[in-house]
Amino acid sequence: MATGKTTIGKELVKSLSPSYKFVETDNLIEKMAKKTIPEIFSQKGETFFRKLEAKACKKVASMKKVVISCGGGVILNKKNIVNLKKNCYLILLKADIDTIYNRIIKDGKDRRPLINKKNPKNEIKKLMKIRKSLYEKYADFSIETNNKKPKEIVKEILHKIGIENLK
């Protein structure tokens, strides 16, 4: 959640080869539902959203030459992890609560149904507390994104997966 998945994912694709593509599970979910994520949550609820999310994870996990950005809640469903681990590295991008909060407020908290509440910072803390152990359990590795430039983070990722000196 607001740790830089989209920005870093797009930058990572640029550093790989032209045949790589960037895919966001949230975009696939919106296409499947023909609604935005806030609309899905308000009209159908989180359970319906999570079912679509599982379908999106299964679909992207079978793709080749992609960098996938998954929503932060993907980790809550073990089937998502099993599917993604078949063909993917799971990389945890980490940021502190203040950084996450500032990024979310800048983007507009209304775009994030789970924290679009009276005290979004409190909601972020709650979600992070619930998800932290799962993120750490299932991630192949993690990278701090606070105060780092995207290219620096991409270089760290490439190093960790054994790819050096690309573009």
N, C-alpha and C. Protein backbone atom coordinates (compact mmCIF):
# COMPACT_ATOMS: atom_id res chain seq x y z
N MET A 1 0.84 -1.17 0.00
CA MET A 1 0.00 0.00 0.00
C MET A 1 0.88 1.24 0.00
N ALA A 2 0.93 1.90 -1.15
CA ALA A 2 1.66 3.16 -1.30
C ALA A 2 3.14 3.04 -0.94
N THR A 3 3.70 1.88 -1.28
CA THR A 3 5.14 1.69 -1.03
C THR A 3 5.97 1.90 -2.28
N GLY A 4 5.30 2.12 -3.40
CA GLY A 4 5.99 2.39 -4.65
C GLY A 4 5.89 1.27 -5.67
N LYS A 5 4.95 0.36 -5.49
CA LYS A 5 4.86 -0.80 -6.38
C LYS A 5 4.69 -0.41 -7.85
N THR A 6 3.82 0.51 -8.13
CA THR A 6 3.58 0.91 -9.52
C THR A 6 4.80 1.62 -10.10
N THR A 7 5.30 2.59 -9.38
CA THR A 7 6.47 3.35 -9.86
C THR A 7 7.66 2.44 -10.07
N ILE A 8 7.94 1.61 -9.09
CA ILE A 8 9.11 0.72 -9.17
C ILE A 8 8.88 -0.35 -10.24
N GLY A 9 7.67 -0.88 -10.31
CA GLY A 9 7.37 -1.89 -11.33
C GLY A 9 7.60 -1.38 -12.74
N LYS A 10 7.12 -0.18 -13.01
CA LYS A 10 7.31 0.41 -14.35
C LYS A 10 8.78 0.68 -14.62
N GLU A 11 9.49 1.13 -13.63
CA GLU A 11 10.93 1.40 -13.78
C GLU A 11 11.70 0.10 -13.98
N LEU A 12 11.29 -0.95 -13.29
CA LEU A 12 11.94 -2.25 -13.42
C LEU A 12 11.78 -2.79 -14.84
N VAL A 13 10.60 -2.64 -15.40
CA VAL A 13 10.36 -3.08 -16.78
C VAL A 13 11.31 -2.37 -17.74
N LYS A 14 11.51 -1.07 -17.53
CA LYS A 14 12.43 -0.31 -18.39
C LYS A 14 13.85 -0.86 -18.32
N SER A 15 14.23 -1.39 -17.16
CA SER A 15 15.58 -1.90 -16.97
C SER A 15 15.75 -3.33 -17.46
N LEU A 16 14.67 -4.01 -17.69
CA LEU A 16 14.75 -5.36 -18.21
C LEU A 16 14.81 -5.26 -19.74
N SER A 17 14.14 -6.12 -20.44
CA SER A 17 14.20 -6.03 -21.90
C SER A 17 12.90 -5.46 -22.44
N PRO A 18 12.91 -5.02 -23.70
CA PRO A 18 11.68 -4.46 -24.28
C PRO A 18 10.52 -5.46 -24.33
N SER A 19 10.83 -6.74 -24.19
CA SER A 19 9.76 -7.74 -24.25
C SER A 19 9.01 -7.88 -22.92
N TYR A 20 9.50 -7.25 -21.86
CA TYR A 20 8.80 -7.29 -20.57
C TYR A 20 7.64 -6.31 -20.54
N LYS A 21 6.59 -6.68 -19.81
CA LYS A 21 5.43 -5.80 -19.64
C LYS A 21 5.17 -5.60 -18.15
N PHE A 22 4.50 -4.51 -17.85
CA PHE A 22 4.08 -4.22 -16.49
C PHE A 22 2.59 -4.50 -16.35
N VAL A 23 2.21 -5.23 -15.31
CA VAL A 23 0.81 -5.60 -15.10
C VAL A 23 0.45 -5.29 -13.64
N GLU A 24 -0.71 -4.65 -13.47
CA GLU A 24 -1.23 -4.39 -12.13
C GLU A 24 -2.48 -5.21 -11.92
N THR A 25 -2.50 -5.96 -10.84
CA THR A 25 -3.69 -6.77 -10.57
C THR A 25 -4.92 -5.88 -10.37
N ASP A 26 -4.74 -4.73 -9.76
CA ASP A 26 -5.90 -3.84 -9.56
C ASP A 26 -6.53 -3.41 -10.89
N ASN A 27 -5.70 -3.18 -11.89
CA ASN A 27 -6.24 -2.82 -13.22
C ASN A 27 -7.02 -3.99 -13.82
N LEU A 28 -6.50 -5.21 -13.66
CA LEU A 28 -7.23 -6.38 -14.16
C LEU A 28 -8.57 -6.54 -13.45
N ILE A 29 -8.57 -6.32 -12.16
CA ILE A 29 -9.81 -6.42 -11.38
C ILE A 29 -10.84 -5.41 -11.89
N GLU A 30 -10.39 -4.19 -12.12
CA GLU A 30 -11.31 -3.16 -12.62
C GLU A 30 -11.86 -3.53 -14.00
N LYS A 31 -11.03 -4.12 -14.84
CA LYS A 31 -11.51 -4.56 -16.17
C LYS A 31 -12.51 -5.69 -16.04
N MET A 32 -12.23 -6.65 -15.15
CA MET A 32 -13.15 -7.77 -14.95
C MET A 32 -14.51 -7.29 -14.46
N ALA A 33 -14.50 -6.35 -13.52
CA ALA A 33 -15.73 -5.87 -12.91
C ALA A 33 -16.39 -4.74 -13.69
N LYS A 34 -15.62 -4.13 -14.59
CA LYS A 34 -16.08 -2.94 -15.31
C LYS A 34 -16.50 -1.84 -14.34
N LYS A 35 -15.73 -1.77 -13.23
CA LYS A 35 -15.95 -0.76 -12.19
C LYS A 35 -14.60 -0.41 -11.58
N THR A 36 -14.54 0.75 -10.95
CA THR A 36 -13.32 1.11 -10.21
C THR A 36 -13.30 0.32 -8.90
N ILE A 37 -12.15 0.27 -8.29
CA ILE A 37 -12.05 -0.45 -7.02
C ILE A 37 -12.95 0.18 -5.95
N PRO A 38 -12.97 1.51 -5.81
CA PRO A 38 -13.92 2.08 -4.84
C PRO A 38 -15.38 1.69 -5.13
N GLU A 39 -15.74 1.63 -6.41
CA GLU A 39 -17.11 1.22 -6.76
C GLU A 39 -17.36 -0.24 -6.40
N ILE A 40 -16.37 -1.09 -6.65
CA ILE A 40 -16.51 -2.51 -6.30
C ILE A 40 -16.76 -2.64 -4.80
N PHE A 41 -15.94 -1.97 -4.01
CA PHE A 41 -16.08 -2.05 -2.56
C PHE A 41 -17.44 -1.53 -2.09
N SER A 42 -17.85 -0.39 -2.64
CA SER A 42 -19.11 0.20 -2.16
C SER A 42 -20.34 -0.56 -2.64
N GLN A 43 -20.27 -1.14 -3.85
CA GLN A 43 -21.45 -1.82 -4.40
C GLN A 43 -21.49 -3.32 -4.11
N LYS A 44 -20.33 -3.95 -4.07
CA LYS A 44 -20.28 -5.42 -3.93
C LYS A 44 -19.58 -5.89 -2.66
N GLY A 45 -18.75 -5.03 -2.06
CA GLY A 45 -18.07 -5.38 -0.81
C GLY A 45 -16.69 -5.97 -1.01
N GLU A 46 -15.98 -6.06 0.10
CA GLU A 46 -14.60 -6.55 0.07
C GLU A 46 -14.51 -8.02 -0.32
N THR A 47 -15.45 -8.85 0.11
CA THR A 47 -15.40 -10.28 -0.21
C THR A 47 -15.44 -10.49 -1.72
N PHE A 48 -16.32 -9.78 -2.40
CA PHE A 48 -16.41 -9.87 -3.86
C PHE A 48 -15.10 -9.41 -4.49
N PHE A 49 -14.56 -8.29 -3.99
CA PHE A 49 -13.29 -7.79 -4.49
C PHE A 49 -12.20 -8.84 -4.35
N ARG A 50 -12.11 -9.49 -3.20
CA ARG A 50 -11.07 -10.50 -2.95
C ARG A 50 -11.20 -11.69 -3.90
N LYS A 51 -12.43 -12.04 -4.27
CA LYS A 51 -12.62 -13.13 -5.24
C LYS A 51 -12.06 -12.73 -6.60
N LEU A 52 -12.34 -11.50 -7.01
CA LEU A 52 -11.77 -11.01 -8.28
C LEU A 52 -10.25 -10.93 -8.20
N GLU A 53 -9.77 -10.52 -7.06
CA GLU A 53 -8.33 -10.42 -6.86
C GLU A 53 -7.65 -11.78 -7.01
N ALA A 54 -8.27 -12.82 -6.47
CA ALA A 54 -7.73 -14.17 -6.60
C ALA A 54 -7.70 -14.61 -8.07
N LYS A 55 -8.74 -14.29 -8.82
CA LYS A 55 -8.76 -14.61 -10.26
C LYS A 55 -7.64 -13.85 -10.98
N ALA A 56 -7.46 -12.60 -10.64
CA ALA A 56 -6.41 -11.79 -11.26
C ALA A 56 -5.03 -12.36 -10.95
N CYS A 57 -4.82 -12.77 -9.72
CA CYS A 57 -3.52 -13.35 -9.33
C CYS A 57 -3.24 -14.64 -10.10
N LYS A 58 -4.26 -15.46 -10.22
CA LYS A 58 -4.09 -16.72 -10.95
C LYS A 58 -3.72 -16.43 -12.41
N LYS A 59 -4.38 -15.45 -12.99
CA LYS A 59 -4.11 -15.10 -14.38
C LYS A 59 -2.69 -14.57 -14.57
N VAL A 60 -2.28 -13.62 -13.75
CA VAL A 60 -0.96 -13.00 -13.94
C VAL A 60 0.17 -13.95 -13.58
N ALA A 61 -0.09 -14.87 -12.67
CA ALA A 61 0.95 -15.82 -12.25
C ALA A 61 1.39 -16.72 -13.38
N SER A 62 0.55 -16.91 -14.38
CA SER A 62 0.91 -17.77 -15.51
C SER A 62 1.57 -17.00 -16.66
N MET A 63 1.62 -15.70 -16.55
CA MET A 63 2.21 -14.88 -17.61
C MET A 63 3.73 -14.96 -17.57
N LYS A 64 4.33 -14.76 -18.70
CA LYS A 64 5.80 -14.76 -18.82
C LYS A 64 6.26 -13.33 -19.12
N LYS A 65 7.46 -13.03 -18.69
CA LYS A 65 8.11 -11.74 -18.94
C LYS A 65 7.23 -10.56 -18.52
N VAL A 66 6.77 -10.62 -17.28
CA VAL A 66 5.98 -9.53 -16.73
C VAL A 66 6.53 -9.15 -15.36
N VAL A 67 6.34 -7.90 -15.03
CA VAL A 67 6.54 -7.41 -13.68
C VAL A 67 5.14 -7.11 -13.18
N ILE A 68 4.78 -7.72 -12.06
CA ILE A 68 3.42 -7.64 -11.55
C ILE A 68 3.37 -6.79 -10.28
N SER A 69 2.45 -5.87 -10.26
CA SER A 69 2.18 -5.10 -9.06
C SER A 69 0.86 -5.58 -8.49
N CYS A 70 0.93 -6.16 -7.30
CA CYS A 70 -0.27 -6.66 -6.64
C CYS A 70 -0.71 -5.71 -5.54
N GLY A 71 -2.00 -5.63 -5.33
CA GLY A 71 -2.51 -4.85 -4.21
C GLY A 71 -2.02 -5.43 -2.90
N GLY A 72 -1.94 -4.61 -1.88
CA GLY A 72 -1.41 -5.02 -0.59
C GLY A 72 -2.16 -6.15 0.08
N GLY A 73 -3.43 -6.35 -0.26
CA GLY A 73 -4.24 -7.39 0.36
C GLY A 73 -4.09 -8.76 -0.28
N VAL A 74 -3.35 -8.86 -1.38
CA VAL A 74 -3.14 -10.14 -2.05
C VAL A 74 -2.58 -11.17 -1.07
N ILE A 75 -1.79 -10.69 -0.16
CA ILE A 75 -1.10 -11.55 0.80
C ILE A 75 -2.06 -12.28 1.75
N LEU A 76 -3.28 -11.79 1.86
CA LEU A 76 -4.24 -12.36 2.80
C LEU A 76 -4.80 -13.71 2.35
N ASN A 77 -4.63 -14.06 1.08
CA ASN A 77 -5.16 -15.31 0.54
C ASN A 77 -3.99 -16.21 0.15
N LYS A 78 -3.84 -17.31 0.86
CA LYS A 78 -2.72 -18.24 0.62
C LYS A 78 -2.70 -18.74 -0.82
N LYS A 79 -3.88 -18.92 -1.45
CA LYS A 79 -3.93 -19.37 -2.84
C LYS A 79 -3.21 -18.37 -3.76
N ASN A 80 -3.35 -17.08 -3.46
CA ASN A 80 -2.65 -16.07 -4.25
C ASN A 80 -1.14 -16.28 -4.16
N ILE A 81 -0.66 -16.55 -2.97
CA ILE A 81 0.77 -16.74 -2.76
C ILE A 81 1.25 -17.98 -3.50
N VAL A 82 0.51 -19.07 -3.36
CA VAL A 82 0.86 -20.32 -4.04
C VAL A 82 0.93 -20.08 -5.55
N ASN A 83 -0.08 -19.43 -6.11
CA ASN A 83 -0.09 -19.16 -7.55
C ASN A 83 1.09 -18.29 -7.96
N LEU A 84 1.31 -17.20 -7.25
CA LEU A 84 2.38 -16.28 -7.63
C LEU A 84 3.77 -16.89 -7.46
N LYS A 85 3.96 -17.70 -6.44
CA LYS A 85 5.27 -18.30 -6.19
C LYS A 85 5.68 -19.32 -7.25
N LYS A 86 4.73 -19.80 -8.04
CA LYS A 86 5.05 -20.76 -9.10
C LYS A 86 5.99 -20.17 -10.14
N ASN A 87 5.86 -18.86 -10.39
CA ASN A 87 6.55 -18.27 -11.53
C ASN A 87 7.11 -16.88 -11.22
N CYS A 88 7.05 -16.47 -9.96
CA CYS A 88 7.39 -15.09 -9.63
C CYS A 88 8.26 -14.98 -8.39
N TYR A 89 9.01 -13.90 -8.33
CA TYR A 89 9.62 -13.49 -7.07
C TYR A 89 8.57 -12.63 -6.36
N LEU A 90 8.43 -12.81 -5.08
CA LEU A 90 7.58 -11.92 -4.30
C LEU A 90 8.50 -10.95 -3.57
N ILE A 91 8.41 -9.71 -3.99
CA ILE A 91 9.28 -8.67 -3.44
C ILE A 91 8.44 -7.72 -2.60
N LEU A 92 8.83 -7.57 -1.37
CA LEU A 92 8.13 -6.67 -0.46
C LEU A 92 8.82 -5.31 -0.50
N LEU A 93 8.09 -4.31 -0.95
CA LEU A 93 8.58 -2.93 -0.88
C LEU A 93 8.05 -2.35 0.41
N LYS A 94 8.95 -1.85 1.23
CA LYS A 94 8.56 -1.36 2.56
C LYS A 94 8.73 0.16 2.65
N ALA A 95 7.83 0.77 3.39
CA ALA A 95 7.92 2.20 3.68
C ALA A 95 7.33 2.41 5.07
N ASP A 96 7.76 3.47 5.73
CA ASP A 96 7.22 3.74 7.05
C ASP A 96 5.81 4.33 6.94
N ILE A 97 5.10 4.33 8.05
CA ILE A 97 3.70 4.77 8.08
C ILE A 97 3.55 6.20 7.57
N ASP A 98 4.43 7.10 7.98
CA ASP A 98 4.32 8.50 7.55
C ASP A 98 4.49 8.63 6.04
N THR A 99 5.44 7.89 5.48
CA THR A 99 5.66 7.92 4.03
C THR A 99 4.42 7.39 3.30
N ILE A 100 3.91 6.27 3.77
CA ILE A 100 2.71 5.69 3.17
C ILE A 100 1.55 6.67 3.25
N TYR A 101 1.34 7.23 4.42
CA TYR A 101 0.26 8.20 4.62
C TYR A 101 0.39 9.38 3.67
N ASN A 102 1.58 9.96 3.58
CA ASN A 102 1.79 11.12 2.70
C ASN A 102 1.54 10.78 1.24
N ARG A 103 1.96 9.60 0.82
CA ARG A 103 1.72 9.19 -0.57
C ARG A 103 0.23 8.99 -0.84
N ILE A 104 -0.46 8.40 0.10
CA ILE A 104 -1.89 8.16 -0.06
C ILE A 104 -2.67 9.47 -0.10
N ILE A 105 -2.34 10.36 0.78
CA ILE A 105 -3.03 11.66 0.81
C ILE A 105 -2.77 12.42 -0.49
N LYS A 106 -1.54 12.35 -0.99
CA LYS A 106 -1.19 13.00 -2.25
C LYS A 106 -2.01 12.43 -3.41
N ASP A 107 -2.17 11.10 -3.43
CA ASP A 107 -2.92 10.43 -4.51
C ASP A 107 -4.43 10.56 -4.33
N GLY A 108 -4.87 10.78 -3.10
CA GLY A 108 -6.30 10.86 -2.80
C GLY A 108 -6.76 9.62 -2.08
N LYS A 109 -7.09 9.75 -0.80
CA LYS A 109 -7.48 8.60 0.01
C LYS A 109 -8.78 7.96 -0.48
N ASP A 110 -9.58 8.71 -1.23
CA ASP A 110 -10.84 8.17 -1.74
C ASP A 110 -10.62 7.04 -2.74
N ARG A 111 -9.40 6.92 -3.26
CA ARG A 111 -9.08 5.84 -4.19
C ARG A 111 -8.77 4.53 -3.47
N ARG A 112 -8.71 4.59 -2.12
CA ARG A 112 -8.34 3.41 -1.33
C ARG A 112 -9.43 3.14 -0.29
N PRO A 113 -10.38 2.29 -0.63
CA PRO A 113 -11.54 2.07 0.23
C PRO A 113 -11.22 1.64 1.66
N LEU A 114 -10.18 0.86 1.85
CA LEU A 114 -9.90 0.36 3.19
C LEU A 114 -9.38 1.43 4.15
N ILE A 115 -8.87 2.52 3.61
CA ILE A 115 -8.38 3.58 4.50
C ILE A 115 -9.13 4.90 4.31
N ASN A 116 -10.13 4.90 3.47
CA ASN A 116 -10.92 6.12 3.24
C ASN A 116 -11.91 6.31 4.39
N LYS A 117 -11.32 6.64 5.52
CA LYS A 117 -12.10 6.81 6.75
C LYS A 117 -11.67 8.08 7.44
N LYS A 118 -12.27 8.35 8.58
CA LYS A 118 -12.01 9.59 9.31
C LYS A 118 -10.53 9.77 9.64
N ASN A 119 -9.88 8.70 10.09
CA ASN A 119 -8.46 8.77 10.45
C ASN A 119 -7.66 7.78 9.60
N PRO A 120 -7.29 8.17 8.39
CA PRO A 120 -6.61 7.23 7.48
C PRO A 120 -5.29 6.70 8.04
N LYS A 121 -4.58 7.51 8.77
CA LYS A 121 -3.29 7.05 9.32
C LYS A 121 -3.51 5.88 10.28
N ASN A 122 -4.57 5.96 11.07
CA ASN A 122 -4.92 4.86 11.98
C ASN A 122 -5.24 3.59 11.19
N GLU A 123 -5.98 3.76 10.09
CA GLU A 123 -6.34 2.61 9.25
C GLU A 123 -5.10 1.98 8.63
N ILE A 124 -4.16 2.80 8.21
CA ILE A 124 -2.90 2.29 7.66
C ILE A 124 -2.18 1.46 8.72
N LYS A 125 -2.10 1.98 9.93
CA LYS A 125 -1.44 1.25 11.02
C LYS A 125 -2.11 -0.10 11.27
N LYS A 126 -3.44 -0.11 11.27
CA LYS A 126 -4.18 -1.37 11.49
C LYS A 126 -3.87 -2.38 10.40
N LEU A 127 -3.94 -1.93 9.14
CA LEU A 127 -3.67 -2.85 8.02
C LEU A 127 -2.24 -3.37 8.07
N MET A 128 -1.31 -2.49 8.35
CA MET A 128 0.10 -2.91 8.40
C MET A 128 0.31 -3.92 9.52
N LYS A 129 -0.34 -3.72 10.63
CA LYS A 129 -0.21 -4.66 11.76
C LYS A 129 -0.74 -6.04 11.37
N ILE A 130 -1.87 -6.06 10.70
CA ILE A 130 -2.49 -7.32 10.27
C ILE A 130 -1.62 -8.03 9.22
N ARG A 131 -1.06 -7.28 8.30
CA ARG A 131 -0.39 -7.86 7.14
C ARG A 131 1.13 -8.08 7.31
N LYS A 132 1.74 -7.38 8.23
CA LYS A 132 3.21 -7.37 8.33
C LYS A 132 3.82 -8.77 8.40
N SER A 133 3.31 -9.61 9.28
CA SER A 133 3.91 -10.94 9.43
C SER A 133 3.74 -11.78 8.15
N LEU A 134 2.61 -11.60 7.46
CA LEU A 134 2.40 -12.34 6.21
C LEU A 134 3.36 -11.83 5.12
N TYR A 135 3.51 -10.52 5.03
CA TYR A 135 4.45 -9.96 4.06
C TYR A 135 5.84 -10.55 4.29
N GLU A 136 6.27 -10.54 5.53
CA GLU A 136 7.62 -11.01 5.85
C GLU A 136 7.76 -12.52 5.66
N LYS A 137 6.70 -13.25 5.93
CA LYS A 137 6.73 -14.71 5.78
C LYS A 137 6.86 -15.13 4.32
N TYR A 138 6.12 -14.47 3.45
CA TYR A 138 6.04 -14.93 2.06
C TYR A 138 6.96 -14.21 1.08
N ALA A 139 7.48 -13.07 1.43
CA ALA A 139 8.35 -12.33 0.50
C ALA A 139 9.67 -13.08 0.31
N ASP A 140 10.13 -13.12 -0.92
CA ASP A 140 11.46 -13.68 -1.19
C ASP A 140 12.53 -12.75 -0.63
N PHE A 141 12.26 -11.47 -0.69
CA PHE A 141 13.12 -10.46 -0.05
C PHE A 141 12.36 -9.15 0.02
N SER A 142 12.89 -8.24 0.83
CA SER A 142 12.24 -6.94 0.97
C SER A 142 13.25 -5.81 0.76
N ILE A 143 12.71 -4.68 0.36
CA ILE A 143 13.54 -3.50 0.10
C ILE A 143 12.82 -2.28 0.67
N GLU A 144 13.56 -1.49 1.42
CA GLU A 144 13.04 -0.23 1.94
C GLU A 144 12.96 0.77 0.80
N THR A 145 11.85 1.51 0.73
CA THR A 145 11.71 2.51 -0.33
C THR A 145 11.76 3.94 0.18
N ASN A 146 11.79 4.11 1.51
CA ASN A 146 11.85 5.46 2.07
C ASN A 146 13.09 6.21 1.57
N ASN A 147 12.88 7.41 1.10
CA ASN A 147 13.99 8.31 0.72
C ASN A 147 14.95 7.73 -0.30
N LYS A 148 14.45 6.87 -1.18
CA LYS A 148 15.28 6.32 -2.25
C LYS A 148 14.67 6.66 -3.59
N LYS A 149 15.51 6.84 -4.56
CA LYS A 149 15.05 7.09 -5.92
C LYS A 149 14.67 5.74 -6.56
N PRO A 150 13.67 5.77 -7.46
CA PRO A 150 13.24 4.52 -8.10
C PRO A 150 14.39 3.73 -8.75
N LYS A 151 15.29 4.41 -9.43
CA LYS A 151 16.40 3.70 -10.10
C LYS A 151 17.29 2.97 -9.08
N GLU A 152 17.45 3.55 -7.92
CA GLU A 152 18.24 2.93 -6.86
C GLU A 152 17.55 1.65 -6.35
N ILE A 153 16.25 1.72 -6.20
CA ILE A 153 15.48 0.55 -5.75
C ILE A 153 15.51 -0.55 -6.81
N VAL A 154 15.36 -0.16 -8.06
CA VAL A 154 15.42 -1.13 -9.16
C VAL A 154 16.78 -1.82 -9.19
N LYS A 155 17.82 -1.07 -9.00
CA LYS A 155 19.17 -1.64 -8.98
C LYS A 155 19.29 -2.68 -7.85
N GLU A 156 18.72 -2.38 -6.69
CA GLU A 156 18.73 -3.34 -5.58
C GLU A 156 17.96 -4.61 -5.95
N ILE A 157 16.81 -4.45 -6.58
CA ILE A 157 16.00 -5.61 -6.97
C ILE A 157 16.77 -6.47 -7.96
N LEU A 158 17.33 -5.85 -8.98
CA LEU A 158 18.07 -6.60 -9.99
C LEU A 158 19.25 -7.35 -9.36
N HIS A 159 19.91 -6.71 -8.44
CA HIS A 159 21.03 -7.35 -7.74
C HIS A 159 20.54 -8.58 -6.97
N LYS A 160 19.42 -8.43 -6.26
CA LYS A 160 18.89 -9.53 -5.43
C LYS A 160 18.44 -10.71 -6.28
N ILE A 161 17.95 -10.45 -7.50
CA ILE A 161 17.52 -11.58 -8.34
C ILE A 161 18.63 -12.05 -9.28
N GLY A 162 19.82 -11.46 -9.12
CA GLY A 162 20.98 -11.95 -9.86
C GLY A 162 21.14 -11.38 -11.25
N ILE A 163 20.56 -10.22 -11.49
CA ILE A 163 20.72 -9.56 -12.79
C ILE A 163 21.46 -8.26 -12.56
N GLU A 164 22.59 -8.11 -13.19
CA GLU A 164 23.41 -6.91 -12.98
C GLU A 164 23.60 -6.16 -14.29
N ASN A 165 23.88 -4.90 -14.16
CA ASN A 165 24.33 -4.07 -15.27
C ASN A 165 23.42 -4.03 -16.49
N LEU A 166 22.15 -3.94 -16.27
CA LEU A 166 21.25 -3.67 -17.39
C LEU A 166 21.18 -2.17 -17.57
N LYS A 167 20.54 -1.73 -18.61
CA LYS A 167 20.35 -0.32 -18.94
C LYS A 167 20.77 0.64 -17.85
